[in-house]
C-alpha atoms as a PDB file:
ATOM      1  CA  MET A   1      20.361   6.964  -6.784  1.00  0.00           C
ATOM      2  CA  ARG A   2      23.622   6.926  -4.795  1.00  0.00           C
ATOM      3  CA  LYS A   3      25.078   9.455  -7.230  1.00  0.00           C
ATOM      4  CA  LEU A   4      22.101  11.785  -6.724  1.00  0.00           C
ATOM      5  CA  VAL A   5      22.396  11.560  -2.939  1.00  0.00           C
ATOM      6  CA  ALA A   6      26.110  12.338  -3.128  1.00  0.00           C
ATOM      7  CA  VAL A   7      25.509  15.324  -5.395  1.00  0.00           C
ATOM      8  CA  VAL A   8      22.763  16.812  -3.212  1.00  0.00           C
ATOM      9  CA  LEU A   9      24.682  16.266   0.018  1.00  0.00           C
ATOM     10  CA  GLY A  10      27.686  17.923  -1.586  1.00  0.00           C
ATOM     11  CA  LEU A  11      25.564  20.900  -2.579  1.00  0.00           C
ATOM     12  CA  ALA A  12      24.224  21.170   0.949  1.00  0.00           C
ATOM     13  CA  VAL A  13      27.723  21.254   2.433  1.00  0.00           C
ATOM     14  CA  ILE A  14      28.920  23.832  -0.094  1.00  0.00           C
ATOM     15  CA  ALA A  15      25.815  25.962   0.427  1.00  0.00           C
ATOM     16  CA  GLY A  16      26.353  25.945   4.173  1.00  0.00           C
ATOM     17  CA  THR A  17      29.937  27.144   3.821  1.00  0.00           C
ATOM     18  CA  GLY A  18      29.149  29.855   1.300  1.00  0.00           C
ATOM     19  CA  ALA A  19      31.902  28.506  -0.940  1.00  0.00           C
ATOM     20  CA  PHE A  20      30.253  29.792  -4.072  1.00  0.00           C
ATOM     21  CA  THR A  21      27.135  31.589  -5.180  1.00  0.00           C
ATOM     22  CA  THR A  22      26.711  30.205  -8.705  1.00  0.00           C
ATOM     23  CA  PRO A  23      25.998  26.443  -8.766  1.00  0.00           C
ATOM     24  CA  LYS A  24      28.273  24.455 -11.082  1.00  0.00           C
ATOM     25  CA  LEU A  25      25.768  21.607 -11.153  1.00  0.00           C
ATOM     26  CA  HIS A  26      22.336  22.296 -12.563  1.00  0.00           C
ATOM     27  CA  PRO A  27      19.079  20.552 -11.697  1.00  0.00           C
ATOM     28  CA  SER A  28      16.496  19.646 -14.326  1.00  0.00           C
ATOM     29  CA  TRP A  29      13.152  17.885 -14.452  1.00  0.00           C
ATOM     30  CA  GLN A  30      12.768  14.529 -16.167  1.00  0.00           C
ATOM     31  CA  LEU A  31       9.133  14.107 -17.195  1.00  0.00           C
ATOM     32  CA  THR A  32       7.439  10.748 -16.813  1.00  0.00           C
ATOM     33  CA  ASP A  33       4.662   9.377 -19.006  1.00  0.00           C
ATOM     34  CA  THR A  34       1.487   9.298 -16.905  1.00  0.00           C
ATOM     35  CA  GLY A  35      -0.893   8.692 -19.798  1.00  0.00           C
ATOM     36  CA  VAL A  36      -3.514  11.099 -18.402  1.00  0.00           C
ATOM     37  CA  THR A  37      -4.379  14.800 -18.685  1.00  0.00           C
ATOM     38  CA  ALA A  38      -5.519  15.471 -15.105  1.00  0.00           C
ATOM     39  CA  ARG A  39      -4.019  18.381 -13.178  1.00  0.00           C
ATOM     40  CA  PHE A  40      -2.093  17.086 -10.179  1.00  0.00           C
ATOM     41  CA  ARG A  41      -1.896  19.528  -7.278  1.00  0.00           C
ATOM     42  CA  GLY A  42      -1.616  16.732  -4.699  1.00  0.00           C
ATOM     43  CA  LEU A  43       1.758  14.973  -4.514  1.00  0.00           C
ATOM     44  CA  ALA A  44       3.217  12.415  -2.098  1.00  0.00           C
ATOM     45  CA  PRO A  45       6.665  11.023  -2.927  1.00  0.00           C
ATOM     46  CA  VAL A  46       7.734   8.120  -0.725  1.00  0.00           C
ATOM     47  CA  SER A  47      11.063   7.268  -2.369  1.00  0.00           C
ATOM     48  CA  ALA A  48      12.840   7.311  -5.715  1.00  0.00           C
ATOM     49  CA  ARG A  49      10.626   4.395  -6.764  1.00  0.00           C
ATOM     50  CA  VAL A  50       7.300   5.051  -5.013  1.00  0.00           C
ATOM     51  CA  ALA A  51       5.161   8.167  -5.434  1.00  0.00           C
ATOM     52  CA  TRP A  52       1.482   9.117  -5.425  1.00  0.00           C
ATOM     53  CA  ALA A  53      -0.267  12.025  -7.182  1.00  0.00           C
ATOM     54  CA  ALA A  54      -3.844  13.241  -6.768  1.00  0.00           C
ATOM     55  CA  GLY A  55      -5.696  15.623  -9.047  1.00  0.00           C
ATOM     56  CA  SER A  56      -8.711  16.643 -11.057  1.00  0.00           C
ATOM     57  CA  ALA A  57     -11.592  14.413 -12.185  1.00  0.00           C
ATOM     58  CA  GLY A  58     -11.141  12.158  -9.167  1.00  0.00           C
ATOM     59  CA  THR A  59      -7.754  10.952 -10.416  1.00  0.00           C
ATOM     60  CA  ILE A  60      -5.124   9.314  -8.202  1.00  0.00           C
ATOM     61  CA  LEU A  61      -1.974   7.763  -9.691  1.00  0.00           C
ATOM     62  CA  ARG A  62       0.702   5.607  -8.083  1.00  0.00           C
ATOM     63  CA  THR A  63       4.091   4.425  -9.313  1.00  0.00           C
ATOM     64  CA  VAL A  64       6.288   1.757  -7.749  1.00  0.00           C
ATOM     65  CA  ASP A  65       9.010   1.743 -10.409  1.00  0.00           C
ATOM     66  CA  GLY A  66      10.303   5.304 -10.295  1.00  0.00           C
ATOM     67  CA  GLY A  67       7.765   6.724 -12.750  1.00  0.00           C
ATOM     68  CA  ARG A  68       8.376   4.311 -15.608  1.00  0.00           C
ATOM     69  CA  SER A  69       4.738   3.306 -15.280  1.00  0.00           C
ATOM     70  CA  TRP A  70       1.745   4.739 -13.434  1.00  0.00           C
ATOM     71  CA  GLN A  71      -1.402   2.999 -12.250  1.00  0.00           C
ATOM     72  CA  SER A  72      -4.737   4.755 -11.847  1.00  0.00           C
ATOM     73  CA  VAL A  73      -5.787   3.784  -8.314  1.00  0.00           C
ATOM     74  CA  GLY A  74      -8.423   6.378  -7.338  1.00  0.00           C
ATOM     75  CA  PRO A  75     -11.717   5.547  -5.627  1.00  0.00           C
ATOM     76  CA  PRO A  76     -14.583   4.613  -7.967  1.00  0.00           C
ATOM     77  CA  GLY A  77     -17.430   7.026  -8.615  1.00  0.00           C
ATOM     78  CA  VAL A  78     -15.636  10.257  -7.675  1.00  0.00           C
ATOM     79  CA  GLU A  79     -14.994  11.657 -11.135  1.00  0.00           C
ATOM     80  CA  GLU A  80     -16.818  14.889 -10.252  1.00  0.00           C
ATOM     81  CA  LEU A  81     -14.486  15.562  -7.299  1.00  0.00           C
ATOM     82  CA  GLN A  82     -11.152  17.395  -7.247  1.00  0.00           C
ATOM     83  CA  PHE A  83      -8.320  15.860  -5.248  1.00  0.00           C
ATOM     84  CA  ARG A  84      -5.946  18.577  -4.009  1.00  0.00           C
ATOM     85  CA  ASP A  85      -3.795  16.819  -1.425  1.00  0.00           C
ATOM     86  CA  ILE A  86      -2.525  13.340  -0.647  1.00  0.00           C
ATOM     87  CA  GLU A  87      -0.323  12.063   2.180  1.00  0.00           C
ATOM     88  CA  ALA A  88       1.348   8.678   1.704  1.00  0.00           C
ATOM     89  CA  PHE A  89       3.234   6.626   4.289  1.00  0.00           C
ATOM     90  CA  ASP A  90       4.487   3.941   1.904  1.00  0.00           C
ATOM     91  CA  ALA A  91       3.444   2.080  -1.252  1.00  0.00           C
ATOM     92  CA  HIS A  92       0.268   0.814   0.399  1.00  0.00           C
ATOM     93  CA  ASN A  93      -1.042   3.418   2.866  1.00  0.00           C
ATOM     94  CA  ALA A  94      -2.291   6.879   1.881  1.00  0.00           C
ATOM     95  CA  VAL A  95      -4.920   9.500   2.774  1.00  0.00           C
ATOM     96  CA  ALA A  96      -6.328  11.807   0.077  1.00  0.00           C
ATOM     97  CA  LEU A  97      -8.395  15.002   0.285  1.00  0.00           C
ATOM     98  CA  THR A  98     -11.036  16.318  -2.102  1.00  0.00           C
ATOM     99  CA  ILE A  99     -11.973  19.985  -1.952  1.00  0.00           C
ATOM    100  CA  GLY A 100     -15.129  22.010  -2.314  1.00  0.00           C
ATOM    101  CA  GLU A 101     -17.932  23.539  -0.311  1.00  0.00           C
ATOM    102  CA  GLY A 102     -20.091  21.325   1.842  1.00  0.00           C
ATOM    103  CA  THR A 103     -20.012  17.613   1.112  1.00  0.00           C
ATOM    104  CA  ASP A 104     -17.455  17.960  -1.702  1.00  0.00           C
ATOM    105  CA  SER A 105     -14.760  18.178   0.992  1.00  0.00           C
ATOM    106  CA  ARG A 106     -13.950  14.551   1.822  1.00  0.00           C
ATOM    107  CA  LEU A 107     -11.126  12.319   3.004  1.00  0.00           C
ATOM    108  CA  TYR A 108     -10.373   8.858   1.616  1.00  0.00           C
ATOM    109  CA  ARG A 109      -7.969   6.248   3.009  1.00  0.00           C
ATOM    110  CA  THR A 110      -6.358   3.182   1.455  1.00  0.00           C
ATOM    111  CA  THR A 111      -4.239   0.449   3.028  1.00  0.00           C
ATOM    112  CA  ASP A 112      -3.739  -1.714  -0.069  1.00  0.00           C
ATOM    113  CA  GLY A 113      -2.090   0.558  -2.600  1.00  0.00           C
ATOM    114  CA  GLY A 114      -5.353   2.000  -3.887  1.00  0.00           C
ATOM    115  CA  ARG A 115      -7.096  -1.267  -4.737  1.00  0.00           C
ATOM    116  CA  SER A 116      -9.795  -0.185  -2.286  1.00  0.00           C
ATOM    117  CA  TRP A 117     -10.605   3.054  -0.495  1.00  0.00           C
ATOM    118  CA  THR A 118     -12.666   3.961   2.559  1.00  0.00           C
ATOM    119  CA  GLU A 119     -14.359   7.340   2.855  1.00  0.00           C
ATOM    120  CA  VAL A 120     -13.283   8.370   6.362  1.00  0.00           C
ATOM    121  CA  PHE A 121     -14.725  11.896   6.445  1.00  0.00           C
ATOM    122  CA  ARG A 122     -17.410  13.846   4.608  1.00  0.00           C
ATOM    123  CA  ASN A 123     -17.905  17.481   5.552  1.00  0.00           C
ATOM    124  CA  ASP A 124     -21.427  18.394   6.674  1.00  0.00           C
ATOM    125  CA  GLU A 125     -20.804  22.107   7.370  1.00  0.00           C
ATOM    126  CA  PRO A 126     -22.096  24.076   4.346  1.00  0.00           C
ATOM    127  CA  THR A 127     -19.611  26.939   4.823  1.00  0.00           C
ATOM    128  CA  ALA A 128     -16.509  24.762   5.331  1.00  0.00           C
ATOM    129  CA  PHE A 129     -14.001  24.273   2.516  1.00  0.00           C
ATOM    130  CA  TYR A 130     -11.038  22.024   3.266  1.00  0.00           C
ATOM    131  CA  ASP A 131      -7.754  22.930   1.571  1.00  0.00           C
ATOM    132  CA  CYS A 132      -4.946  20.618   2.660  1.00  0.00           C
ATOM    133  CA  ILE A 133      -3.776  17.971   5.113  1.00  0.00           C
ATOM    134  CA  THR A 134      -0.580  17.036   6.957  1.00  0.00           C
ATOM    135  CA  PHE A 135       0.591  14.248   9.238  1.00  0.00           C
ATOM    136  CA  LEU A 136       2.837  15.097  12.186  1.00  0.00           C
ATOM    137  CA  ASP A 137       3.663  11.400  12.500  1.00  0.00           C
ATOM    138  CA  ARG A 138       2.112   8.169  11.284  1.00  0.00           C
ATOM    139  CA  ARG A 139      -0.841   8.454  13.690  1.00  0.00           C
ATOM    140  CA  HIS A 140      -1.524  12.167  14.158  1.00  0.00           C
ATOM    141  CA  GLY A 141      -2.795  14.254  11.264  1.00  0.00           C
ATOM    142  CA  LEU A 142      -4.579  17.553  10.645  1.00  0.00           C
ATOM    143  CA  ALA A 143      -6.784  18.956   7.894  1.00  0.00           C
ATOM    144  CA  LEU A 144      -7.412  22.678   7.355  1.00  0.00           C
ATOM    145  CA  SER A 145     -10.664  24.363   6.312  1.00  0.00           C
ATOM    146  CA  ASP A 146     -11.250  27.988   5.402  1.00  0.00           C
ATOM    147  CA  PRO A 147     -12.938  29.993   8.178  1.00  0.00           C
ATOM    148  CA  VAL A 148     -16.248  28.841   9.637  1.00  0.00           C
ATOM    149  CA  GLY A 149     -17.884  31.365  11.937  1.00  0.00           C
ATOM    150  CA  GLY A 150     -14.890  33.693  11.677  1.00  0.00           C
ATOM    151  CA  LYS A 151     -12.168  31.122  12.485  1.00  0.00           C
ATOM    152  CA  PHE A 152     -10.173  28.600  10.490  1.00  0.00           C
ATOM    153  CA  ARG A 153     -11.410  25.067  11.173  1.00  0.00           C
ATOM    154  CA  ILE A 154      -9.073  22.182  12.061  1.00  0.00           C
ATOM    155  CA  LEU A 155      -9.897  18.514  11.644  1.00  0.00           C
ATOM    156  CA  ALA A 156      -7.718  16.006  13.509  1.00  0.00           C
ATOM    157  CA  THR A 157      -6.973  12.281  13.574  1.00  0.00           C
ATOM    158  CA  ALA A 158      -5.035  10.239  16.146  1.00  0.00           C
ATOM    159  CA  ASP A 159      -5.324   6.836  14.468  1.00  0.00           C
ATOM    160  CA  GLY A 160      -3.597   7.273  11.121  1.00  0.00           C
ATOM    161  CA  GLY A 161      -6.622   8.743   9.363  1.00  0.00           C
ATOM    162  CA  ARG A 162      -9.209   6.110  10.254  1.00  0.00           C
ATOM    163  CA  THR A 163     -11.353   8.628  12.154  1.00  0.00           C
ATOM    164  CA  TRP A 164     -11.435  12.437  12.203  1.00  0.00           C
ATOM    165  CA  ALA A 165     -12.931  15.051  14.531  1.00  0.00           C
ATOM    166  CA  VAL A 166     -13.225  18.844  14.427  1.00  0.00           C
ATOM    167  CA  ARG A 167     -10.991  20.624  16.925  1.00  0.00           C
ATOM    168  CA  ASP A 168     -12.542  23.055  19.408  1.00  0.00           C
ATOM    169  CA  PRO A 169     -12.109  26.516  17.803  1.00  0.00           C
ATOM    170  CA  ALA A 170     -11.367  28.176  21.153  1.00  0.00           C
ATOM    171  CA  GLY A 171      -7.616  27.981  20.519  1.00  0.00           C
ATOM    172  CA  MET A 172      -7.806  29.477  17.017  1.00  0.00           C
ATOM    173  CA  PRO A 173      -7.259  33.237  16.514  1.00  0.00           C
ATOM    174  CA  ALA A 174      -9.943  35.101  14.574  1.00  0.00           C
ATOM    175  CA  ALA A 175      -9.592  35.228  10.795  1.00  0.00           C
ATOM    176  CA  LEU A 176      -9.236  38.530   8.973  1.00  0.00           C
ATOM    177  CA  PRO A 177     -12.055  39.659   6.666  1.00  0.00           C
ATOM    178  CA  GLY A 178     -11.657  37.777   3.397  1.00  0.00           C
ATOM    179  CA  GLU A 179      -8.819  35.590   4.696  1.00  0.00           C
ATOM    180  CA  PHE A 180      -8.524  32.006   3.458  1.00  0.00           C
ATOM    181  CA  ALA A 181      -5.972  29.331   2.519  1.00  0.00           C
ATOM    182  CA  PHE A 182      -4.976  28.311  -1.005  1.00  0.00           C
ATOM    183  CA  ALA A 183      -5.622  24.710  -2.099  1.00  0.00           C
ATOM    184  CA  ALA A 184      -2.918  25.018  -4.745  1.00  0.00           C
ATOM    185  CA  SER A 185      -0.300  22.375  -3.943  1.00  0.00           C
ATOM    186  CA  GLY A 186      -1.230  20.556  -0.765  1.00  0.00           C
ATOM    187  CA  THR A 187       1.297  22.629   1.173  1.00  0.00           C
ATOM    188  CA  CYS A 188      -0.740  25.425   2.734  1.00  0.00           C
ATOM    189  CA  LEU A 189      -0.660  23.195   5.858  1.00  0.00           C
ATOM    190  CA  VAL A 190       2.625  21.457   6.731  1.00  0.00           C
ATOM    191  CA  SER A 191       4.449  20.057   9.746  1.00  0.00           C
ATOM    192  CA  ALA A 192       7.996  19.527  10.973  1.00  0.00           C
ATOM    193  CA  GLY A 193       9.368  18.213  14.261  1.00  0.00           C
ATOM    194  CA  GLY A 194       5.898  17.859  15.736  1.00  0.00           C
ATOM    195  CA  ARG A 195       4.995  21.489  14.987  1.00  0.00           C
ATOM    196  CA  ALA A 196       2.209  22.380  12.525  1.00  0.00           C
ATOM    197  CA  PHE A 197       2.038  25.478  10.312  1.00  0.00           C
ATOM    198  CA  PHE A 198      -0.528  26.880   7.895  1.00  0.00           C
ATOM    199  CA  ALA A 199      -0.455  29.942   5.653  1.00  0.00           C
ATOM    200  CA  THR A 200      -3.095  32.322   4.337  1.00  0.00           C
ATOM    201  CA  GLY A 201      -3.924  35.095   1.915  1.00  0.00           C
ATOM    202  CA  GLY A 202      -7.038  36.809   0.652  1.00  0.00           C
ATOM    203  CA  GLY A 203      -7.200  39.378   3.467  1.00  0.00           C
ATOM    204  CA  GLU A 204      -5.348  42.595   4.074  1.00  0.00           C
ATOM    205  CA  ARG A 205      -2.274  40.645   5.226  1.00  0.00           C
ATOM    206  CA  SER A 206      -0.879  37.193   4.562  1.00  0.00           C
ATOM    207  CA  ARG A 207      -0.264  35.301   7.778  1.00  0.00           C
ATOM    208  CA  VAL A 208       1.278  32.128   9.202  1.00  0.00           C
ATOM    209  CA  PHE A 209      -0.367  30.140  12.011  1.00  0.00           C
ATOM    210  CA  THR A 210       1.698  27.823  14.235  1.00  0.00           C
ATOM    211  CA  SER A 211       0.673  25.045  16.651  1.00  0.00           C
ATOM    212  CA  ASP A 212       2.769  23.009  19.098  1.00  0.00           C
ATOM    213  CA  ASP A 213      -0.086  20.906  20.489  1.00  0.00           C
ATOM    214  CA  ARG A 214      -1.409  19.039  17.447  1.00  0.00           C
ATOM    215  CA  GLY A 215      -3.767  21.785  16.367  1.00  0.00           C
ATOM    216  CA  ARG A 216      -5.511  22.554  19.648  1.00  0.00           C
ATOM    217  CA  SER A 217      -4.130  26.090  19.936  1.00  0.00           C
ATOM    218  CA  TRP A 218      -2.462  28.400  17.422  1.00  0.00           C
ATOM    219  CA  HIS A 219      -0.205  31.449  17.358  1.00  0.00           C
ATOM    220  CA  VAL A 220      -0.455  33.743  14.335  1.00  0.00           C
ATOM    221  CA  THR A 221       1.992  36.244  12.864  1.00  0.00           C
ATOM    222  CA  ASP A 222       1.982  38.526   9.838  1.00  0.00           C
ATOM    223  CA  SER A 223       4.195  37.786   6.853  1.00  0.00           C
ATOM    224  CA  PRO A 224       5.719  40.271   4.374  1.00  0.00           C
ATOM    225  CA  LEU A 225       4.238  38.533   1.296  1.00  0.00           C
ATOM    226  CA  PRO A 226       1.591  40.736  -0.366  1.00  0.00           C
ATOM    227  CA  SER A 227      -2.001  39.626   0.110  1.00  0.00           C
ATOM    228  CA  GLY A 228      -5.148  40.238  -1.882  1.00  0.00           C
ATOM    229  CA  GLU A 229      -8.184  38.618  -3.461  1.00  0.00           C
ATOM    230  CA  ALA A 230      -5.999  36.101  -5.325  1.00  0.00           C
ATOM    231  CA  ALA A 231      -2.704  36.711  -3.522  1.00  0.00           C
ATOM    232  CA  GLY A 232      -0.866  35.547  -0.443  1.00  0.00           C
ATOM    233  CA  ILE A 233       1.207  32.603   0.720  1.00  0.00           C
ATOM    234  CA  PHE A 234       0.505  29.520  -1.375  1.00  0.00           C
ATOM    235  CA  SER A 235       3.088  27.154   0.079  1.00  0.00           C
ATOM    236  CA  LEU A 236       5.149  26.572   3.203  1.00  0.00           C
ATOM    237  CA  ALA A 237       8.193  24.342   3.642  1.00  0.00           C
ATOM    238  CA  PHE A 238      10.044  23.655   6.904  1.00  0.00           C
ATOM    239  CA  ARG A 239      13.264  21.649   7.266  1.00  0.00           C
ATOM    240  CA  ASP A 240      12.860  21.576  11.060  1.00  0.00           C
ATOM    241  CA  ARG A 241      10.796  23.328  13.725  1.00  0.00           C
ATOM    242  CA  ARG A 242      12.532  26.680  13.199  1.00  0.00           C
ATOM    243  CA  HIS A 243      13.732  27.092   9.616  1.00  0.00           C
ATOM    244  CA  GLY A 244      11.097  27.633   6.965  1.00  0.00           C
ATOM    245  CA  ILE A 245      10.219  29.109   3.594  1.00  0.00           C
ATOM    246  CA  ALA A 246       7.034  30.782   2.367  1.00  0.00           C
ATOM    247  CA  VAL A 247       6.318  31.345  -1.338  1.00  0.00           C
ATOM    248  CA  GLY A 248       3.358  32.761  -3.198  1.00  0.00           C
ATOM    249  CA  GLY A 249       2.230  35.724  -5.229  1.00  0.00           C
ATOM    250  CA  ASP A 250      -0.953  36.415  -7.172  1.00  0.00           C
ATOM    251  CA  TYR A 251      -2.168  33.555  -9.366  1.00  0.00           C
ATOM    252  CA  LEU A 252      -4.009  36.028 -11.622  1.00  0.00           C
ATOM    253  CA  THR A 253      -0.700  37.733 -12.479  1.00  0.00           C
ATOM    254  CA  PRO A 254       1.742  34.786 -12.462  1.00  0.00           C
ATOM    255  CA  THR A 255       4.646  36.560 -14.182  1.00  0.00           C
ATOM    256  CA  ALA A 256       5.122  39.184 -11.468  1.00  0.00           C
ATOM    257  CA  ALA A 257       5.472  38.491  -7.743  1.00  0.00           C
ATOM    258  CA  PRO A 258       7.338  41.198  -5.846  1.00  0.00           C
ATOM    259  CA  ASP A 259       8.310  40.042  -2.337  1.00  0.00           C
ATOM    260  CA  GLY A 260       6.994  36.603  -3.303  1.00  0.00           C
ATOM    261  CA  SER A 261       9.300  34.630  -1.019  1.00  0.00           C
ATOM    262  CA  ALA A 262      10.312  34.879   2.627  1.00  0.00           C
ATOM    263  CA  THR A 263      12.213  32.888   5.233  1.00  0.00           C
ATOM    264  CA  THR A 264      12.001  32.328   8.974  1.00  0.00           C
ATOM    265  CA  ARG A 265      14.599  31.141  11.475  1.00  0.00           C
ATOM    266  CA  ASP A 266      12.399  31.203  14.583  1.00  0.00           C
ATOM    267  CA  GLY A 267       9.573  28.827  13.809  1.00  0.00           C
ATOM    268  CA  GLY A 268       7.436  31.302  11.900  1.00  0.00           C
ATOM    269  CA  ARG A 269       7.318  34.085  14.488  1.00  0.00           C
ATOM    270  CA  THR A 270       9.166  36.495  12.188  1.00  0.00           C
ATOM    271  CA  TRP A 271       9.663  36.470   8.425  1.00  0.00           C
ATOM    272  CA  THR A 272      12.190  38.195   6.159  1.00  0.00           C
ATOM    273  CA  VAL A 273      11.749  38.756   2.427  1.00  0.00           C
ATOM    274  CA  SER A 274      14.284  36.797   0.384  1.00  0.00           C
ATOM    275  CA  ARG A 275      17.246  38.768  -0.926  1.00  0.00           C
ATOM    276  CA  ARG A 276      16.543  37.421  -4.411  1.00  0.00           C
ATOM    277  CA  VAL A 277      12.991  36.185  -4.918  1.00  0.00           C
ATOM    278  CA  PRO A 278      11.792  33.968  -7.784  1.00  0.00           C
ATOM    279  CA  GLY A 279      10.053  37.090  -9.137  1.00  0.00           C
ATOM    280  CA  GLU A 280       6.997  35.162 -10.319  1.00  0.00           C
ATOM    281  CA  TYR A 281       4.084  33.364  -8.698  1.00  0.00           C
ATOM    282  CA  ARG A 282       5.111  30.121  -7.005  1.00  0.00           C
ATOM    283  CA  SER A 283       2.570  27.618  -5.688  1.00  0.00           C
ATOM    284  CA  GLY A 284       4.863  24.955  -4.195  1.00  0.00           C
ATOM    285  CA  ALA A 285       8.093  24.763  -2.219  1.00  0.00           C
ATOM    286  CA  THR A 286      10.131  22.072  -0.493  1.00  0.00           C
ATOM    287  CA  PHE A 287      13.466  21.440   1.159  1.00  0.00           C
ATOM    288  CA  VAL A 288      15.704  18.835  -0.463  1.00  0.00           C
ATOM    289  CA  VAL A 289      18.349  18.478   2.252  1.00  0.00           C
ATOM    290  CA  GLY A 290      20.010  20.994   4.540  1.00  0.00           C
ATOM    291  CA  THR A 291      19.593  24.460   3.050  1.00  0.00           C
ATOM    292  CA  VAL A 292      18.905  23.234  -0.506  1.00  0.00           C
ATOM    293  CA  ALA A 293      15.320  24.067  -1.521  1.00  0.00           C
ATOM    294  CA  LEU A 294      13.046  24.079  -4.573  1.00  0.00           C
ATOM    295  CA  ALA A 295      10.070  26.199  -5.632  1.00  0.00           C
ATOM    296  CA  VAL A 296       7.688  25.677  -8.557  1.00  0.00           C
ATOM    297  CA  GLY A 297       4.827  27.448 -10.294  1.00  0.00           C
ATOM    298  CA  PRO A 298       3.062  27.657 -13.646  1.00  0.00           C
ATOM    299  CA  THR A 299       5.898  29.734 -15.175  1.00  0.00           C
ATOM    300  CA  GLY A 300       8.924  27.823 -13.940  1.00  0.00           C
ATOM    301  CA  SER A 301      11.058  26.283 -11.209  1.00  0.00           C
ATOM    302  CA  ASP A 302      13.744  27.767  -8.977  1.00  0.00           C
ATOM    303  CA  TRP A 303      16.275  26.403  -6.521  1.00  0.00           C
ATOM    304  CA  SER A 304      18.076  27.837  -3.534  1.00  0.00           C
ATOM    305  CA  LEU A 305      21.282  26.774  -1.791  1.00  0.00           C
ATOM    306  CA  ASP A 306      20.840  29.056   1.213  1.00  0.00           C
ATOM    307  CA  GLY A 307      17.487  28.105   2.672  1.00  0.00           C
ATOM    308  CA  GLY A 308      15.375  30.331   0.435  1.00  0.00           C
ATOM    309  CA  ARG A 309      17.260  33.592   0.859  1.00  0.00           C
ATOM    310  CA  THR A 310      18.278  33.638  -2.820  1.00  0.00           C
ATOM    311  CA  TRP A 311      16.673  31.808  -5.730  1.00  0.00           C
ATOM    312  CA  THR A 312      17.917  30.822  -9.198  1.00  0.00           C
ATOM    313  CA  ARG A 313      15.658  29.797 -12.099  1.00  0.00           C
ATOM    314  CA  PHE A 314      16.458  26.413 -13.675  1.00  0.00           C
ATOM    315  CA  ASP A 315      13.308  25.469 -15.628  1.00  0.00           C
ATOM    316  CA  THR A 316      10.429  27.236 -17.401  1.00  0.00           C
ATOM    317  CA  GLY A 317       7.900  24.389 -17.453  1.00  0.00           C
ATOM    318  CA  SER A 318       4.618  24.483 -15.549  1.00  0.00           C
ATOM    319  CA  PHE A 319       4.258  22.691 -12.196  1.00  0.00           C
ATOM    320  CA  ASP A 320       1.933  23.193  -9.234  1.00  0.00           C
ATOM    321  CA  ALA A 321       3.474  21.015  -6.508  1.00  0.00           C
ATOM    322  CA  VAL A 322       6.937  19.841  -5.507  1.00  0.00           C
ATOM    323  CA  LEU A 323       8.085  17.569  -2.667  1.00  0.00           C
ATOM    324  CA  CYS A 324      11.095  15.440  -1.770  1.00  0.00           C
ATOM    325  CA  ALA A 325      11.186  12.034  -0.124  1.00  0.00           C
ATOM    326  CA  ARG A 326      13.398  10.903   2.748  1.00  0.00           C
ATOM    327  CA  ASP A 327      15.890   9.376   0.310  1.00  0.00           C
ATOM    328  CA  LEU A 328      16.338  12.861  -1.254  1.00  0.00           C
ATOM    329  CA  SER A 329      14.452  12.016  -4.456  1.00  0.00           C
ATOM    330  CA  CYS A 330      12.341  14.994  -5.561  1.00  0.00           C
ATOM    331  CA  TRP A 331       9.162  15.021  -7.619  1.00  0.00           C
ATOM    332  CA  ALA A 332       6.980  17.738  -9.182  1.00  0.00           C
ATOM    333  CA  SER A 333       3.441  17.615 -10.591  1.00  0.00           C
ATOM    334  CA  GLY A 334       1.046  19.894 -12.435  1.00  0.00           C
ATOM    335  CA  GLU A 335      -1.293  20.397 -15.354  1.00  0.00           C
ATOM    336  CA  ASN A 336      -1.903  18.055 -18.302  1.00  0.00           C
ATOM    337  CA  GLY A 337      -0.728  15.013 -16.365  1.00  0.00           C
ATOM    338  CA  ARG A 338       2.786  16.411 -15.831  1.00  0.00           C
ATOM    339  CA  ILE A 339       4.812  14.520 -13.215  1.00  0.00           C
ATOM    340  CA  ALA A 340       8.595  14.727 -13.170  1.00  0.00           C
ATOM    341  CA  LYS A 341      11.639  13.654 -11.162  1.00  0.00           C
ATOM    342  CA  LEU A 342      14.604  15.861 -10.383  1.00  0.00           C
ATOM    343  CA  ARG A 343      18.012  15.045 -11.814  1.00  0.00           C
ATOM    344  CA  PHE A 344      21.403  16.789 -12.001  1.00  0.00           C
END
């Protein structure tokens, strides 16, 4: 682990100085044996040893030994539900989201490593469809639903996920016709430095919404990523309140994504298309450390040393989600039970 930290920190320093453009060290994914075939779009790495993944058929897995073994720890009786996001604080405490219209959108919370779960929210609005969740700190969290009554709906907690309440929509700008968020990797709603961000597609423009008051009011700006019925921004990643990445494309045409990546240096108020984009649909993105970033999708993985301005392909395997823990360990998850750790 110390070697990995040294390598990544070295890359971050070199990337910041512009010392070279072609990495001499190459990342790769090391698959773990999960023993299941669920599709994991929800991912929550805690460290190099502890990680959670949430996916189809009500499946939640947890490892505490770096992926050498996985335990199935999901709530009982939810096999018909689809988990799409999970937020974990440590090896014991996590909050997981199921998606779907009406009562299929639910939140579950565990404090004992998944031995028991409490259903802490069940949606009762027939037109709501919750996509993803984020925690700004250990107590304050938000969940995002597609528009209800012409506006995106925000659910909030101030007690670590024990209780949730719908935010007043007065501070939310109106949604565009057909606009929605993509429940593709648990990263359509993210946070950094106390600021929350969510991204959209589906309408005539893809957009990014920003909040500085825990989801009570939002500012929205257009992004340059193409939008359409199955296209838009699928993932956001922010390394601080100002510097962020947006990736996406059209999931119906995954091998072609012109202008499929953009960056911001002003907290999402303006976006610039990457100088070299991944070129294909990407559903997940994350920062590793400094300006080092990763992006994944069903056709491959890319990395960037300059904060998302240029991308280089390093893997052709299929993944839906990617995230890194505080100790710089990075994990990816996807179809057919695929969960992997990054190595150099």
